[in-house]
C-alpha atoms as a PDB file:
ATOM      1  CA  MET A   1      64.735 125.688  95.335  1.00  0.00           C
ATOM      2  CA  THR A   2      66.667 128.849  94.799  1.00  0.00           C
ATOM      3  CA  GLY A   3      69.851 127.354  96.329  1.00  0.00           C
ATOM      4  CA  TRP A   4      70.156 124.400  93.931  1.00  0.00           C
ATOM      5  CA  ASN A   5      71.539 124.927  90.443  1.00  0.00           C
ATOM      6  CA  TYR A   6      71.848 121.622  88.630  1.00  0.00           C
ATOM      7  CA  GLN A   7      73.735 123.115  85.673  1.00  0.00           C
ATOM      8  CA  GLU A   8      76.925 123.832  87.659  1.00  0.00           C
ATOM      9  CA  PRO A   9      79.492 121.309  88.907  1.00  0.00           C
ATOM     10  CA  GLU A  10      79.203 120.055  92.460  1.00  0.00           C
ATOM     11  CA  HIS A  11      81.071 122.212  94.972  1.00  0.00           C
ATOM     12  CA  HIS A  12      80.618 120.114  98.119  1.00  0.00           C
ATOM     13  CA  ALA A  13      81.512 116.501  97.448  1.00  0.00           C
ATOM     14  CA  SER A  14      80.488 113.826  99.907  1.00  0.00           C
ATOM     15  CA  THR A  15      83.301 111.659 101.249  1.00  0.00           C
ATOM     16  CA  GLY A  16      81.068 109.077 102.911  1.00  0.00           C
ATOM     17  CA  LEU A  17      81.039 106.552 100.064  1.00  0.00           C
ATOM     18  CA  PRO A  18      84.825 106.387  99.410  1.00  0.00           C
ATOM     19  CA  ILE A  19      85.605 106.160 103.120  1.00  0.00           C
ATOM     20  CA  SER A  20      83.035 103.406 103.661  1.00  0.00           C
ATOM     21  CA  ILE A  21      84.422 101.437 100.697  1.00  0.00           C
ATOM     22  CA  LEU A  22      87.933 101.811 102.104  1.00  0.00           C
ATOM     23  CA  LEU A  23      86.892 100.675 105.587  1.00  0.00           C
ATOM     24  CA  LEU A  24      84.932  97.713 104.228  1.00  0.00           C
ATOM     25  CA  SER A  25      87.962  96.683 102.174  1.00  0.00           C
ATOM     26  CA  VAL A  26      90.272  96.875 105.196  1.00  0.00           C
ATOM     27  CA  LEU A  27      87.831  94.879 107.325  1.00  0.00           C
ATOM     28  CA  GLY A  28      87.390  92.273 104.587  1.00  0.00           C
ATOM     29  CA  ILE A  29      91.128  91.798 104.127  1.00  0.00           C
ATOM     30  CA  SER A  30      91.660  91.599 107.902  1.00  0.00           C
ATOM     31  CA  ALA A  31      88.924  88.980 108.249  1.00  0.00           C
ATOM     32  CA  TYR A  32      90.414  86.994 105.367  1.00  0.00           C
ATOM     33  CA  LEU A  33      93.854  87.003 106.987  1.00  0.00           C
ATOM     34  CA  LEU A  34      92.485  86.053 110.417  1.00  0.00           C
ATOM     35  CA  VAL A  35      90.413  83.176 109.029  1.00  0.00           C
ATOM     36  CA  GLY A  36      93.338  81.986 106.921  1.00  0.00           C
ATOM     37  CA  GLY A  37      95.657  82.130 109.926  1.00  0.00           C
ATOM     38  CA  SER A  38      93.266  80.146 112.085  1.00  0.00           C
ATOM     39  CA  LEU A  39      92.804  77.467 109.423  1.00  0.00           C
ATOM     40  CA  THR A  40      96.523  76.751 109.229  1.00  0.00           C
ATOM     41  CA  GLY A  41      96.489  75.461 112.807  1.00  0.00           C
ATOM     42  CA  GLY A  42      98.986  78.015 114.072  1.00  0.00           C
ATOM     43  CA  GLU A  43     101.953  75.812 113.264  1.00  0.00           C
ATOM     44  CA  ARG A  44     105.020  77.783 112.316  1.00  0.00           C
ATOM     45  CA  VAL A  45     106.863  76.290 109.391  1.00  0.00           C
ATOM     46  CA  GLY A  46     110.450  77.366 108.944  1.00  0.00           C
ATOM     47  CA  SER A  47     111.677  78.602 105.607  1.00  0.00           C
ATOM     48  CA  LYS A  48     114.302  76.651 103.708  1.00  0.00           C
ATOM     49  CA  VAL A  49     116.972  78.466 101.761  1.00  0.00           C
ATOM     50  CA  TYR A  50     118.851  76.603  99.073  1.00  0.00           C
ATOM     51  CA  LEU A  51     122.144  78.212  98.157  1.00  0.00           C
ATOM     52  CA  PRO A  52     123.667  77.577  94.741  1.00  0.00           C
ATOM     53  CA  VAL A  53     126.598  75.189  94.613  1.00  0.00           C
ATOM     54  CA  ALA A  54     129.889  76.969  93.998  1.00  0.00           C
ATOM     55  CA  GLN A  55     131.557  75.772  90.822  1.00  0.00           C
ATOM     56  CA  THR A  56     135.316  75.777  90.382  1.00  0.00           C
ATOM     57  CA  GLN A  57     137.092  76.141  87.067  1.00  0.00           C
ATOM     58  CA  ASP A  58     140.007  73.896  86.231  1.00  0.00           C
ATOM     59  CA  HIS A  59     142.762  75.478  84.141  1.00  0.00           C
END
Protein backbone atom coordinates (compact mmCIF):
# COMPACT_ATOMS: atom_id res chain seq x y z
CA MET A 1 0.00 0.00 0.00
CA THR A 2 2.81 2.37 -0.72
CA GLY A 3 0.83 4.13 -3.50
CA TRP A 4 -2.14 5.16 -1.33
CA ASN A 5 -1.85 8.15 0.98
CA TYR A 6 -5.17 8.85 2.66
CA GLN A 7 -4.01 12.14 4.19
CA GLU A 8 -3.81 13.99 0.85
CA PRO A 9 -6.71 15.22 -1.30
CA GLU A 10 -7.89 13.04 -4.15
CA HIS A 11 -6.05 13.70 -7.41
CA HIS A 12 -8.04 11.45 -9.76
CA ALA A 13 -11.75 12.04 -9.33
CA SER A 14 -14.22 9.57 -10.76
CA THR A 15 -16.81 11.01 -13.14
CA GLY A 16 -19.00 7.91 -13.29
CA LEU A 17 -21.49 8.94 -10.60
CA PRO A 18 -22.26 12.49 -11.88
CA ILE A 19 -22.60 11.29 -15.46
CA SER A 20 -24.91 8.43 -14.46
CA ILE A 21 -27.08 10.81 -12.41
CA LEU A 22 -27.27 13.18 -15.38
CA LEU A 23 -28.22 10.40 -17.81
CA LEU A 24 -30.83 8.98 -15.44
CA SER A 25 -32.34 12.45 -15.06
CA VAL A 26 -32.51 12.96 -18.83
CA LEU A 27 -34.09 9.53 -19.33
CA GLY A 28 -36.59 10.14 -16.54
CA ILE A 29 -37.66 13.51 -17.93
CA SER A 30 -37.94 12.06 -21.45
CA ALA A 31 -40.08 9.18 -20.21
CA TYR A 32 -42.29 11.60 -18.28
CA LEU A 33 -42.83 13.75 -21.38
CA LEU A 34 -43.54 10.75 -23.61
CA VAL A 35 -46.05 9.25 -21.17
CA GLY A 36 -47.70 12.64 -20.68
CA GLY A 37 -47.92 13.16 -24.43
CA SER A 38 -49.49 9.76 -24.99
CA LEU A 39 -52.06 10.30 -22.24
CA THR A 40 -53.37 13.49 -23.84
CA GLY A 41 -54.63 11.51 -26.83
CA GLY A 42 -52.50 13.38 -29.35
CA GLU A 43 -55.16 16.01 -29.93
CA ARG A 44 -53.71 19.39 -30.76
CA VAL A 45 -55.48 22.21 -29.00
CA GLY A 46 -55.00 25.65 -30.45
CA SER A 47 -53.98 28.53 -28.25
CA LYS A 48 -56.33 31.45 -27.73
CA VAL A 49 -54.98 34.96 -27.49
CA TYR A 50 -57.12 37.64 -25.93
CA LEU A 51 -56.07 41.14 -26.87
CA PRO A 52 -56.94 44.05 -24.59
CA VAL A 53 -59.77 46.29 -25.73
CA ALA A 54 -58.55 49.67 -26.95
CA GLN A 55 -60.00 52.50 -24.91
CA THR A 56 -60.60 55.94 -26.37
CA GLN A 57 -60.54 59.16 -24.39
CA ASP A 58 -63.22 61.76 -24.91
CA HIS A 59 -62.11 65.37 -24.57
